[in-house]
Amino acid sequence: MGWSTRSHKHLLTACGWVIAAIHRLERLVSQMEYERAKAELSRHAGVAEDYYDEGFIGCLRPYSGIRAESFHSVIEALLSVGSVFSATNTLERSIAESVITITVTARRWGVEENGMLVRNNLISSDERMQLKRWIEIIERMALDLLNGQKPHETIHGYCKYVTEFGWGGNATFFIPLLGSAIETDEFGDRLEGHCSAVVRLGTTAIAISESLLLARRRKWTWYEPHDRCAAEMLGYIDEALAAIGTPLK
């Protein structure tokens, strides 16, 4: 028995309600993630009442050693809020306060010559250099986001870091960003960093195999001679594909 026109209209209306409900749910989840990330930044900055004693700033006073997991957590939170403010012309004051507090305070206490951790010989030279690098990565990423770059367009400096020192416990958060970066970035020096970061992840990054295969089909001509450029880029891509266990198609 065929459907009546009325039944068809009712079905379309119901589908419309379902789609609208899904979109509302997506916006709600996105807002929840944004608020969580904003709170995470404030806790690491030490400006929230429930700040982290072992957060990015909390561990510096009293000094208990710098913590890489806090750095990785700050990067995740910054990219999460950045996905919102990079696409707008506004930035919440609390976010700016948190990011600036993290970088300025950490530099003042643990990097500058007259900083309390330096002059009291509490922080080692290696820790001091590591802290300086973290600050620079956070600042560069924040500036890129403020300039309107999308989150996946700002991770190249972080990728270089994790290639050298390893990922944090939240590495899976960055996998979709890596996929987008590999698909869209046209600069080979960045592709090298992205692929090296994938190699560090290994089979955990299997979800971005299609992104790598797509990048492999592109024409890489960002420097001359073009055949040498293509061979170099394909080498980075193939190394990443091998690391995640994906055969070439």
C-alpha atoms as a PDB file:
ATOM      1  CA  MET A   1       0.000   0.000   0.000  1.00  0.00           C
ATOM      2  CA  GLY A   2       1.415   3.374  -0.997  1.00  0.00           C
ATOM      3  CA  TRP A   3       1.968   6.286   1.355  1.00  0.00           C
ATOM      4  CA  SER A   4      -0.473   9.158   1.382  1.00  0.00           C
ATOM      5  CA  THR A   5       0.720  12.722   0.880  1.00  0.00           C
ATOM      6  CA  ARG A   6      -0.215  13.464   4.506  1.00  0.00           C
ATOM      7  CA  SER A   7       1.867  10.530   5.806  1.00  0.00           C
ATOM      8  CA  HIS A   8       4.820  11.679   3.744  1.00  0.00           C
ATOM      9  CA  LYS A   9       4.529  15.197   5.161  1.00  0.00           C
ATOM     10  CA  HIS A  10       4.326  13.810   8.698  1.00  0.00           C
ATOM     11  CA  LEU A  11       7.473  11.753   8.094  1.00  0.00           C
ATOM     12  CA  LEU A  12       9.340  14.781   6.754  1.00  0.00           C
ATOM     13  CA  THR A  13       8.233  16.819   9.762  1.00  0.00           C
ATOM     14  CA  ALA A  14       9.385  14.087  12.145  1.00  0.00           C
ATOM     15  CA  CYS A  15      12.749  13.859  10.376  1.00  0.00           C
ATOM     16  CA  GLY A  16      13.083  17.621  10.665  1.00  0.00           C
ATOM     17  CA  TRP A  17      12.469  17.435  14.406  1.00  0.00           C
ATOM     18  CA  VAL A  18      15.065  14.676  14.788  1.00  0.00           C
ATOM     19  CA  ILE A  19      17.684  16.606  12.794  1.00  0.00           C
ATOM     20  CA  ALA A  20      16.993  19.768  14.797  1.00  0.00           C
ATOM     21  CA  ALA A  21      17.306  17.803  18.046  1.00  0.00           C
ATOM     22  CA  ILE A  22      20.635  16.357  16.909  1.00  0.00           C
ATOM     23  CA  HIS A  23      21.926  19.826  16.064  1.00  0.00           C
ATOM     24  CA  ARG A  24      20.824  21.146  19.459  1.00  0.00           C
ATOM     25  CA  LEU A  25      22.589  18.231  21.150  1.00  0.00           C
ATOM     26  CA  GLU A  26      25.758  18.884  19.144  1.00  0.00           C
ATOM     27  CA  ARG A  27      25.712  22.554  20.149  1.00  0.00           C
ATOM     28  CA  LEU A  28      25.148  21.574  23.775  1.00  0.00           C
ATOM     29  CA  VAL A  29      28.058  19.115  23.742  1.00  0.00           C
ATOM     30  CA  SER A  30      30.268  21.696  22.038  1.00  0.00           C
ATOM     31  CA  GLN A  31      29.345  24.303  24.658  1.00  0.00           C
ATOM     32  CA  MET A  32      30.038  21.819  27.469  1.00  0.00           C
ATOM     33  CA  GLU A  33      33.463  21.042  26.009  1.00  0.00           C
ATOM     34  CA  TYR A  34      34.183  24.760  25.673  1.00  0.00           C
ATOM     35  CA  GLU A  35      33.221  25.464  29.298  1.00  0.00           C
ATOM     36  CA  ARG A  36      35.244  22.488  30.527  1.00  0.00           C
ATOM     37  CA  ALA A  37      38.311  23.626  28.594  1.00  0.00           C
ATOM     38  CA  LYS A  38      37.901  27.195  29.856  1.00  0.00           C
ATOM     39  CA  ALA A  39      37.759  25.925  33.446  1.00  0.00           C
ATOM     40  CA  GLU A  40      40.799  23.723  32.810  1.00  0.00           C
ATOM     41  CA  LEU A  41      42.849  26.729  31.701  1.00  0.00           C
ATOM     42  CA  SER A  42      41.850  28.734  34.774  1.00  0.00           C
ATOM     43  CA  ARG A  43      42.812  25.871  37.082  1.00  0.00           C
ATOM     44  CA  HIS A  44      46.212  25.493  35.444  1.00  0.00           C
ATOM     45  CA  ALA A  45      46.696  29.266  35.703  1.00  0.00           C
ATOM     46  CA  GLY A  46      45.884  29.178  39.404  1.00  0.00           C
ATOM     47  CA  VAL A  47      43.166  31.832  39.026  1.00  0.00           C
ATOM     48  CA  ALA A  48      40.275  29.508  39.912  1.00  0.00           C
ATOM     49  CA  GLU A  49      39.270  28.706  43.486  1.00  0.00           C
ATOM     50  CA  ASP A  50      39.595  24.991  42.718  1.00  0.00           C
ATOM     51  CA  TYR A  51      42.988  25.416  41.036  1.00  0.00           C
ATOM     52  CA  TYR A  52      45.308  22.460  40.523  1.00  0.00           C
ATOM     53  CA  ASP A  53      48.022  22.162  43.183  1.00  0.00           C
ATOM     54  CA  GLU A  54      50.058  20.265  40.602  1.00  0.00           C
ATOM     55  CA  GLY A  55      48.858  22.267  37.597  1.00  0.00           C
ATOM     56  CA  PHE A  56      51.053  24.298  35.270  1.00  0.00           C
ATOM     57  CA  ILE A  57      51.426  27.177  37.753  1.00  0.00           C
ATOM     58  CA  GLY A  58      50.460  25.317  40.924  1.00  0.00           C
ATOM     59  CA  CYS A  59      53.535  23.080  40.807  1.00  0.00           C
ATOM     60  CA  LEU A  60      55.851  26.104  40.626  1.00  0.00           C
ATOM     61  CA  ARG A  61      54.944  27.508  44.051  1.00  0.00           C
ATOM     62  CA  PRO A  62      55.831  25.722  46.199  1.00  0.00           C
ATOM     63  CA  TYR A  63      58.114  24.153  43.642  1.00  0.00           C
ATOM     64  CA  SER A  64      57.553  20.428  43.130  1.00  0.00           C
ATOM     65  CA  GLY A  65      59.024  20.065  39.634  1.00  0.00           C
ATOM     66  CA  ILE A  66      57.574  20.850  36.233  1.00  0.00           C
ATOM     67  CA  ARG A  67      55.007  18.370  34.897  1.00  0.00           C
ATOM     68  CA  ALA A  68      54.711  17.445  31.241  1.00  0.00           C
ATOM     69  CA  GLU A  69      51.123  16.230  31.688  1.00  0.00           C
ATOM     70  CA  SER A  70      50.114  19.720  32.776  1.00  0.00           C
ATOM     71  CA  PHE A  71      51.637  21.133  29.598  1.00  0.00           C
ATOM     72  CA  HIS A  72      49.760  18.631  27.420  1.00  0.00           C
ATOM     73  CA  SER A  73      46.550  19.433  29.298  1.00  0.00           C
ATOM     74  CA  VAL A  74      46.995  23.181  28.711  1.00  0.00           C
ATOM     75  CA  ILE A  75      47.525  22.581  24.981  1.00  0.00           C
ATOM     76  CA  GLU A  76      44.346  20.486  24.736  1.00  0.00           C
ATOM     77  CA  ALA A  77      42.319  23.110  26.591  1.00  0.00           C
ATOM     78  CA  LEU A  78      43.753  25.944  24.485  1.00  0.00           C
ATOM     79  CA  LEU A  79      42.872  24.184  21.231  1.00  0.00           C
ATOM     80  CA  SER A  80      39.392  23.379  22.542  1.00  0.00           C
ATOM     81  CA  VAL A  81      38.539  27.005  23.340  1.00  0.00           C
ATOM     82  CA  GLY A  82      40.461  28.103  20.249  1.00  0.00           C
ATOM     83  CA  SER A  83      38.077  26.208  18.011  1.00  0.00           C
ATOM     84  CA  VAL A  84      35.487  28.787  19.076  1.00  0.00           C
ATOM     85  CA  PHE A  85      37.340  32.093  19.364  1.00  0.00           C
ATOM     86  CA  SER A  86      39.518  31.576  16.271  1.00  0.00           C
ATOM     87  CA  ALA A  87      36.360  31.768  14.173  1.00  0.00           C
ATOM     88  CA  THR A  88      35.046  34.949  15.808  1.00  0.00           C
ATOM     89  CA  ASN A  89      36.213  38.472  16.534  1.00  0.00           C
ATOM     90  CA  THR A  90      35.720  38.132  20.280  1.00  0.00           C
ATOM     91  CA  LEU A  91      37.670  36.502  23.094  1.00  0.00           C
ATOM     92  CA  GLU A  92      36.393  36.008  26.614  1.00  0.00           C
ATOM     93  CA  ARG A  93      38.398  37.972  29.154  1.00  0.00           C
ATOM     94  CA  SER A  94      38.774  34.927  31.431  1.00  0.00           C
ATOM     95  CA  ILE A  95      40.469  32.924  28.667  1.00  0.00           C
ATOM     96  CA  ALA A  96      42.931  35.712  27.912  1.00  0.00           C
ATOM     97  CA  GLU A  97      43.612  36.083  31.642  1.00  0.00           C
ATOM     98  CA  SER A  98      44.331  32.363  32.041  1.00  0.00           C
ATOM     99  CA  VAL A  99      46.655  32.047  29.042  1.00  0.00           C
ATOM    100  CA  ILE A 100      48.594  35.225  29.850  1.00  0.00           C
ATOM    101  CA  THR A 101      48.839  34.272  33.535  1.00  0.00           C
ATOM    102  CA  ILE A 102      50.247  30.856  32.621  1.00  0.00           C
ATOM    103  CA  THR A 103      52.928  32.193  30.275  1.00  0.00           C
ATOM    104  CA  VAL A 104      53.888  35.394  32.116  1.00  0.00           C
ATOM    105  CA  THR A 105      53.981  33.817  35.576  1.00  0.00           C
ATOM    106  CA  ALA A 106      55.884  30.732  34.455  1.00  0.00           C
ATOM    107  CA  ARG A 107      58.455  32.870  32.625  1.00  0.00           C
ATOM    108  CA  ARG A 108      58.819  35.290  35.541  1.00  0.00           C
ATOM    109  CA  TRP A 109      59.266  32.572  38.143  1.00  0.00           C
ATOM    110  CA  GLY A 110      61.096  29.816  36.309  1.00  0.00           C
ATOM    111  CA  VAL A 111      62.877  31.230  33.245  1.00  0.00           C
ATOM    112  CA  GLU A 112      64.099  34.772  33.912  1.00  0.00           C
ATOM    113  CA  GLU A 113      67.488  35.194  35.594  1.00  0.00           C
ATOM    114  CA  ASN A 114      66.019  36.881  38.651  1.00  0.00           C
ATOM    115  CA  GLY A 115      63.044  34.535  38.891  1.00  0.00           C
ATOM    116  CA  MET A 116      62.479  33.058  42.322  1.00  0.00           C
ATOM    117  CA  LEU A 117      63.056  29.475  41.162  1.00  0.00           C
ATOM    118  CA  VAL A 118      66.264  30.430  39.342  1.00  0.00           C
ATOM    119  CA  ARG A 119      67.885  32.642  41.960  1.00  0.00           C
ATOM    120  CA  ASN A 120      67.088  30.122  44.724  1.00  0.00           C
ATOM    121  CA  ASN A 121      68.503  27.242  42.640  1.00  0.00           C
ATOM    122  CA  LEU A 122      65.236  25.321  42.831  1.00  0.00           C
ATOM    123  CA  ILE A 123      64.862  24.632  39.113  1.00  0.00           C
ATOM    124  CA  SER A 124      67.551  22.813  37.123  1.00  0.00           C
ATOM    125  CA  SER A 125      68.930  24.198  33.871  1.00  0.00           C
ATOM    126  CA  ASP A 126      67.240  21.387  31.912  1.00  0.00           C
ATOM    127  CA  GLU A 127      63.873  22.062  33.578  1.00  0.00           C
ATOM    128  CA  ARG A 128      64.304  25.755  32.930  1.00  0.00           C
ATOM    129  CA  MET A 129      64.892  25.183  29.219  1.00  0.00           C
ATOM    130  CA  GLN A 130      61.953  22.796  29.035  1.00  0.00           C
ATOM    131  CA  LEU A 131      59.662  25.307  30.736  1.00  0.00           C
ATOM    132  CA  LYS A 132      60.825  28.010  28.333  1.00  0.00           C
ATOM    133  CA  ARG A 133      59.972  25.799  25.371  1.00  0.00           C
ATOM    134  CA  TRP A 134      56.507  25.034  26.749  1.00  0.00           C
ATOM    135  CA  ILE A 135      55.801  28.738  27.189  1.00  0.00           C
ATOM    136  CA  GLU A 136      56.905  29.505  23.632  1.00  0.00           C
ATOM    137  CA  ILE A 137      54.681  26.748  22.180  1.00  0.00           C
ATOM    138  CA  ILE A 138      51.661  27.971  24.146  1.00  0.00           C
ATOM    139  CA  GLU A 139      52.262  31.597  23.126  1.00  0.00           C
ATOM    140  CA  ARG A 140      52.745  30.768  19.443  1.00  0.00           C
ATOM    141  CA  MET A 141      49.626  28.607  19.370  1.00  0.00           C
ATOM    142  CA  ALA A 142      47.531  31.243  21.152  1.00  0.00           C
ATOM    143  CA  LEU A 143      48.729  33.945  18.762  1.00  0.00           C
ATOM    144  CA  ASP A 144      47.942  31.802  15.707  1.00  0.00           C
ATOM    145  CA  LEU A 145      44.438  31.138  17.035  1.00  0.00           C
ATOM    146  CA  LEU A 146      43.931  34.847  17.689  1.00  0.00           C
ATOM    147  CA  ASN A 147      44.989  35.492  14.098  1.00  0.00           C
ATOM    148  CA  GLY A 148      42.081  33.336  12.959  1.00  0.00           C
ATOM    149  CA  GLN A 149      43.909  30.112  12.176  1.00  0.00           C
ATOM    150  CA  LYS A 150      41.972  26.917  12.755  1.00  0.00           C
ATOM    151  CA  PRO A 151      43.200  24.628  15.560  1.00  0.00           C
ATOM    152  CA  HIS A 152      44.730  22.073  13.177  1.00  0.00           C
ATOM    153  CA  GLU A 153      46.701  24.877  11.529  1.00  0.00           C
ATOM    154  CA  THR A 154      48.428  25.743  14.813  1.00  0.00           C
ATOM    155  CA  ILE A 155      49.820  22.398  15.984  1.00  0.00           C
ATOM    156  CA  HIS A 156      53.112  22.217  14.039  1.00  0.00           C
ATOM    157  CA  GLY A 157      55.219  23.511  16.942  1.00  0.00           C
ATOM    158  CA  TYR A 158      53.564  21.081  19.327  1.00  0.00           C
ATOM    159  CA  CYS A 159      54.131  18.234  16.867  1.00  0.00           C
ATOM    160  CA  LYS A 160      57.857  18.967  16.832  1.00  0.00           C
ATOM    161  CA  TYR A 161      57.854  18.814  20.608  1.00  0.00           C
ATOM    162  CA  VAL A 162      56.021  15.479  20.938  1.00  0.00           C
ATOM    163  CA  THR A 163      58.224  13.976  18.229  1.00  0.00           C
ATOM    164  CA  GLU A 164      61.212  14.704  20.428  1.00  0.00           C
ATOM    165  CA  PHE A 165      59.775  14.086  23.899  1.00  0.00           C
ATOM    166  CA  GLY A 166      56.690  11.933  23.368  1.00  0.00           C
ATOM    167  CA  TRP A 167      52.928  12.366  23.690  1.00  0.00           C
ATOM    168  CA  GLY A 168      50.975  12.891  26.875  1.00  0.00           C
ATOM    169  CA  GLY A 169      48.152  10.766  28.210  1.00  0.00           C
ATOM    170  CA  ASN A 170      45.634  12.771  26.154  1.00  0.00           C
ATOM    171  CA  ALA A 171      47.196  11.948  22.778  1.00  0.00           C
ATOM    172  CA  THR A 172      43.958  10.644  21.255  1.00  0.00           C
ATOM    173  CA  PHE A 173      42.503  14.164  21.432  1.00  0.00           C
ATOM    174  CA  PHE A 174      45.014  15.317  18.822  1.00  0.00           C
ATOM    175  CA  ILE A 175      44.471  12.543  16.256  1.00  0.00           C
ATOM    176  CA  PRO A 176      41.619  14.272  14.340  1.00  0.00           C
ATOM    177  CA  LEU A 177      43.631  17.512  14.325  1.00  0.00           C
ATOM    178  CA  LEU A 178      46.623  15.665  12.876  1.00  0.00           C
ATOM    179  CA  GLY A 179      44.401  14.201  10.169  1.00  0.00           C
ATOM    180  CA  SER A 180      43.078  17.622   9.180  1.00  0.00           C
ATOM    181  CA  ALA A 181      46.566  19.132   9.211  1.00  0.00           C
ATOM    182  CA  ILE A 182      47.995  16.392   7.006  1.00  0.00           C
ATOM    183  CA  GLU A 183      45.118  16.711   4.530  1.00  0.00           C
ATOM    184  CA  THR A 184      45.283  20.481   4.143  1.00  0.00           C
ATOM    185  CA  ASP A 185      48.762  21.815   4.947  1.00  0.00           C
ATOM    186  CA  GLU A 186      50.788  22.591   1.847  1.00  0.00           C
ATOM    187  CA  PHE A 187      54.102  23.316   3.558  1.00  0.00           C
ATOM    188  CA  GLY A 188      56.449  20.364   3.550  1.00  0.00           C
ATOM    189  CA  ASP A 189      58.324  21.341   6.699  1.00  0.00           C
ATOM    190  CA  ARG A 190      55.051  21.158   8.588  1.00  0.00           C
ATOM    191  CA  LEU A 191      54.115  17.866   6.933  1.00  0.00           C
ATOM    192  CA  GLU A 192      57.395  16.414   8.176  1.00  0.00           C
ATOM    193  CA  GLY A 193      56.509  17.402  11.749  1.00  0.00           C
ATOM    194  CA  HIS A 194      52.961  16.086  11.480  1.00  0.00           C
ATOM    195  CA  CYS A 195      54.097  12.743  10.067  1.00  0.00           C
ATOM    196  CA  SER A 196      56.824  12.399  12.685  1.00  0.00           C
ATOM    197  CA  ALA A 197      54.202  12.961  15.381  1.00  0.00           C
ATOM    198  CA  VAL A 198      52.078  10.210  13.801  1.00  0.00           C
ATOM    199  CA  VAL A 199      55.079   7.877  13.884  1.00  0.00           C
ATOM    200  CA  ARG A 200      55.347   8.560  17.621  1.00  0.00           C
ATOM    201  CA  LEU A 201      51.690   7.526  18.028  1.00  0.00           C
ATOM    202  CA  GLY A 202      52.036   4.322  16.013  1.00  0.00           C
ATOM    203  CA  THR A 203      48.934   2.184  15.496  1.00  0.00           C
ATOM    204  CA  THR A 204      46.955   4.447  17.856  1.00  0.00           C
ATOM    205  CA  ALA A 205      46.648   6.827  14.894  1.00  0.00           C
ATOM    206  CA  ILE A 206      45.141   4.266  12.502  1.00  0.00           C
ATOM    207  CA  ALA A 207      42.035   6.481  12.157  1.00  0.00           C
ATOM    208  CA  ILE A 208      43.934   8.990  10.011  1.00  0.00           C
ATOM    209  CA  SER A 209      45.172   6.480   7.445  1.00  0.00           C
ATOM    210  CA  GLU A 210      42.847   7.990   4.823  1.00  0.00           C
ATOM    211  CA  SER A 211      44.261  11.451   5.505  1.00  0.00           C
ATOM    212  CA  LEU A 212      47.758  10.133   4.872  1.00  0.00           C
ATOM    213  CA  LEU A 213      46.701   8.344   1.705  1.00  0.00           C
ATOM    214  CA  LEU A 214      45.006  11.507   0.494  1.00  0.00           C
ATOM    215  CA  ALA A 215      48.174  13.497   1.163  1.00  0.00           C
ATOM    216  CA  ARG A 216      50.139  10.873  -0.745  1.00  0.00           C
ATOM    217  CA  ARG A 217      48.065  11.542  -3.869  1.00  0.00           C
ATOM    218  CA  ARG A 218      48.737  15.268  -3.807  1.00  0.00           C
ATOM    219  CA  LYS A 219      51.312  17.034  -5.951  1.00  0.00           C
ATOM    220  CA  TRP A 220      54.131  18.267  -3.729  1.00  0.00           C
ATOM    221  CA  THR A 221      55.866  21.146  -5.476  1.00  0.00           C
ATOM    222  CA  TRP A 222      56.600  23.636  -2.702  1.00  0.00           C
ATOM    223  CA  TYR A 223      60.318  23.693  -3.615  1.00  0.00           C
ATOM    224  CA  GLU A 224      62.393  22.834  -6.667  1.00  0.00           C
ATOM    225  CA  PRO A 225      63.296  20.468  -8.156  1.00  0.00           C
ATOM    226  CA  HIS A 226      59.759  19.203  -7.864  1.00  0.00           C
ATOM    227  CA  ASP A 227      60.637  15.520  -8.206  1.00  0.00           C
ATOM    228  CA  ARG A 228      62.997  15.769  -5.266  1.00  0.00           C
ATOM    229  CA  CYS A 229      60.331  17.616  -3.261  1.00  0.00           C
ATOM    230  CA  ALA A 230      57.736  14.933  -4.009  1.00  0.00           C
ATOM    231  CA  ALA A 231      60.116  12.122  -3.099  1.00  0.00           C
ATOM    232  CA  GLU A 232      60.911  13.747   0.243  1.00  0.00           C
ATOM    233  CA  MET A 233      57.259  14.347   1.130  1.00  0.00           C
ATOM    234  CA  LEU A 234      56.232  10.831   0.112  1.00  0.00           C
ATOM    235  CA  GLY A 235      59.022   9.498   2.306  1.00  0.00           C
ATOM    236  CA  TYR A 236      57.531  11.202   5.382  1.00  0.00           C
ATOM    237  CA  ILE A 237      54.024  10.023   4.499  1.00  0.00           C
ATOM    238  CA  ASP A 238      55.085   6.431   3.844  1.00  0.00           C
ATOM    239  CA  GLU A 239      56.973   6.302   7.139  1.00  0.00           C
ATOM    240  CA  ALA A 240      53.815   7.418   8.947  1.00  0.00           C
ATOM    241  CA  LEU A 241      51.671   4.873   7.071  1.00  0.00           C
ATOM    242  CA  ALA A 242      54.080   2.111   8.009  1.00  0.00           C
ATOM    243  CA  ALA A 243      54.037   3.206  11.643  1.00  0.00           C
ATOM    244  CA  ILE A 244      50.246   2.955  11.895  1.00  0.00           C
ATOM    245  CA  GLY A 245      50.176  -0.339  10.013  1.00  0.00           C
ATOM    246  CA  THR A 246      48.469   0.782   6.801  1.00  0.00           C
ATOM    247  CA  PRO A 247      49.635  -0.775   3.517  1.00  0.00           C
ATOM    248  CA  LEU A 248      49.976   1.462   0.477  1.00  0.00           C
ATOM    249  CA  LYS A 249      47.008   1.367  -1.910  1.00  0.00           C
END
